[in-house]
């Protein structure tokens, strides 16, 4: 989901770099991994995240929650509502 959202943000002009460029750079400075949680379980949890209507944000936050992982984001709304979000 993160890769898809990063690419979407690039395509709509909200990010200057495509998804693979961003992920490659981040892998060089931090320990990134592939999500481990069952996607259906993530979706079920995302249904409860009513603080946003953005499907990407809901799924990414729910996945981080399931994996017990930090969510690196500059999105202020996510940081306000998801305790595991950092910037």
C-alpha atoms as a PDB file:
ATOM      1  CA  UNK A   1       0.000   0.000   0.000  1.00  0.00           C
ATOM      2  CA  UNK A   2       2.818   2.396   0.778  1.00  0.00           C
ATOM      3  CA  UNK A   3       4.395   1.852  -2.629  1.00  0.00           C
ATOM      4  CA  UNK A   4       1.035   2.390  -4.327  1.00  0.00           C
ATOM      5  CA  UNK A   5       0.287   5.580  -2.387  1.00  0.00           C
ATOM      6  CA  UNK A   6       3.757   7.007  -3.048  1.00  0.00           C
ATOM      7  CA  UNK A   7       3.314   6.367  -6.757  1.00  0.00           C
ATOM      8  CA  UNK A   8      -0.171   7.903  -6.683  1.00  0.00           C
ATOM      9  CA  UNK A   9       1.172  11.037  -4.956  1.00  0.00           C
ATOM     10  CA  UNK A  10       3.885  11.288  -7.616  1.00  0.00           C
ATOM     11  CA  UNK A  11       1.383  10.880 -10.453  1.00  0.00           C
ATOM     12  CA  UNK A  12      -0.939  13.603  -9.124  1.00  0.00           C
ATOM     13  CA  UNK A  13       1.964  15.991  -8.543  1.00  0.00           C
ATOM     14  CA  UNK A  14       2.009  15.945  -4.748  1.00  0.00           C
ATOM     15  CA  UNK A  15       5.464  14.364  -4.641  1.00  0.00           C
ATOM     16  CA  UNK A  16       8.446  15.100  -6.888  1.00  0.00           C
ATOM     17  CA  UNK A  17       9.850  11.558  -6.712  1.00  0.00           C
ATOM     18  CA  UNK A  18       8.327   8.278  -7.855  1.00  0.00           C
ATOM     19  CA  UNK A  19       7.678   5.439  -5.407  1.00  0.00           C
ATOM     20  CA  UNK A  20      10.768   3.369  -6.181  1.00  0.00           C
ATOM     21  CA  UNK A  21      13.087   6.365  -5.830  1.00  0.00           C
ATOM     22  CA  UNK A  22      11.616   7.225  -2.422  1.00  0.00           C
ATOM     23  CA  UNK A  23      11.694   3.627  -1.170  1.00  0.00           C
ATOM     24  CA  UNK A  24      15.247   3.079  -2.390  1.00  0.00           C
ATOM     25  CA  UNK A  25      16.413   6.210  -0.564  1.00  0.00           C
ATOM     26  CA  UNK A  26      14.588   5.227   2.628  1.00  0.00           C
ATOM     27  CA  UNK A  27      16.052   1.703   2.572  1.00  0.00           C
ATOM     28  CA  UNK A  28      19.509   3.282   2.644  1.00  0.00           C
ATOM     29  CA  UNK A  29      18.815   5.180   5.876  1.00  0.00           C
ATOM     30  CA  UNK A  30      16.398   2.945   7.804  1.00  0.00           C
ATOM     31  CA  UNK A  31      15.294  -0.632   8.251  1.00  0.00           C
ATOM     32  CA  UNK A  32      12.282  -0.982   5.965  1.00  0.00           C
ATOM     33  CA  UNK A  33      10.457  -4.258   5.692  1.00  0.00           C
ATOM     34  CA  UNK A  34       7.535  -5.838   3.921  1.00  0.00           C
ATOM     35  CA  UNK A  35       4.237  -5.899   5.801  1.00  0.00           C
ATOM     36  CA  UNK A  36       3.522  -9.208   7.523  1.00  0.00           C
ATOM     37  CA  UNK A  37      -0.114  -8.831   8.578  1.00  0.00           C
ATOM     38  CA  UNK A  38      -2.919 -10.680   6.823  1.00  0.00           C
ATOM     39  CA  UNK A  39      -4.530  -8.217   4.401  1.00  0.00           C
ATOM     40  CA  UNK A  40      -8.098  -9.131   5.403  1.00  0.00           C
ATOM     41  CA  UNK A  41      -7.250  -8.481   9.064  1.00  0.00           C
ATOM     42  CA  UNK A  42      -5.736  -5.127   8.083  1.00  0.00           C
ATOM     43  CA  UNK A  43      -8.884  -4.194   6.165  1.00  0.00           C
ATOM     44  CA  UNK A  44     -11.058  -5.138   9.156  1.00  0.00           C
ATOM     45  CA  UNK A  45      -8.971  -2.857  11.390  1.00  0.00           C
ATOM     46  CA  UNK A  46      -8.971  -0.081   8.795  1.00  0.00           C
ATOM     47  CA  UNK A  47     -12.776  -0.054   8.909  1.00  0.00           C
ATOM     48  CA  UNK A  48     -12.501   1.202  12.493  1.00  0.00           C
ATOM     49  CA  UNK A  49     -10.201   4.119  11.675  1.00  0.00           C
ATOM     50  CA  UNK A  50     -12.923   6.683  11.143  1.00  0.00           C
ATOM     51  CA  UNK A  51     -10.671   9.724  11.604  1.00  0.00           C
ATOM     52  CA  UNK A  52      -9.991   9.771   7.858  1.00  0.00           C
ATOM     53  CA  UNK A  53     -11.835   8.978   4.645  1.00  0.00           C
ATOM     54  CA  UNK A  54      -8.547   8.300   2.817  1.00  0.00           C
ATOM     55  CA  UNK A  55      -8.395   4.565   2.085  1.00  0.00           C
ATOM     56  CA  UNK A  56      -4.593   4.611   1.742  1.00  0.00           C
ATOM     57  CA  UNK A  57      -4.156   6.250   5.150  1.00  0.00           C
ATOM     58  CA  UNK A  58      -6.564   3.838   6.809  1.00  0.00           C
ATOM     59  CA  UNK A  59      -4.897   0.750   5.364  1.00  0.00           C
ATOM     60  CA  UNK A  60      -1.344   1.952   5.998  1.00  0.00           C
ATOM     61  CA  UNK A  61      -2.086   2.918   9.610  1.00  0.00           C
ATOM     62  CA  UNK A  62      -3.957  -0.337  10.254  1.00  0.00           C
ATOM     63  CA  UNK A  63      -1.093  -2.336   8.763  1.00  0.00           C
ATOM     64  CA  UNK A  64       1.497  -0.566  10.911  1.00  0.00           C
ATOM     65  CA  UNK A  65      -0.693  -1.238  13.931  1.00  0.00           C
ATOM     66  CA  UNK A  66      -0.940  -4.960  13.097  1.00  0.00           C
ATOM     67  CA  UNK A  67       2.799  -5.257  12.534  1.00  0.00           C
ATOM     68  CA  UNK A  68       3.655  -3.236  15.647  1.00  0.00           C
ATOM     69  CA  UNK A  69       5.706  -0.987  13.386  1.00  0.00           C
ATOM     70  CA  UNK A  70       6.324   2.733  13.298  1.00  0.00           C
ATOM     71  CA  UNK A  71       4.662   4.626  10.473  1.00  0.00           C
ATOM     72  CA  UNK A  72       6.947   7.284   9.002  1.00  0.00           C
ATOM     73  CA  UNK A  73       4.788  10.053   7.581  1.00  0.00           C
ATOM     74  CA  UNK A  74       4.748  13.800   7.212  1.00  0.00           C
ATOM     75  CA  UNK A  75       0.936  13.701   7.223  1.00  0.00           C
ATOM     76  CA  UNK A  76      -0.124  15.758  10.248  1.00  0.00           C
ATOM     77  CA  UNK A  77      -3.570  14.153  10.453  1.00  0.00           C
ATOM     78  CA  UNK A  78      -2.100  10.656  10.711  1.00  0.00           C
ATOM     79  CA  UNK A  79       0.390  11.806  13.352  1.00  0.00           C
ATOM     80  CA  UNK A  80      -2.447  13.347  15.375  1.00  0.00           C
ATOM     81  CA  UNK A  81      -4.541  10.172  15.354  1.00  0.00           C
ATOM     82  CA  UNK A  82      -2.099   7.273  15.175  1.00  0.00           C
ATOM     83  CA  UNK A  83       0.283   6.892  18.120  1.00  0.00           C
ATOM     84  CA  UNK A  84       2.781   4.897  16.064  1.00  0.00           C
ATOM     85  CA  UNK A  85       3.273   7.668  13.495  1.00  0.00           C
ATOM     86  CA  UNK A  86       6.551   9.608  13.436  1.00  0.00           C
ATOM     87  CA  UNK A  87       8.244  12.180  11.222  1.00  0.00           C
END
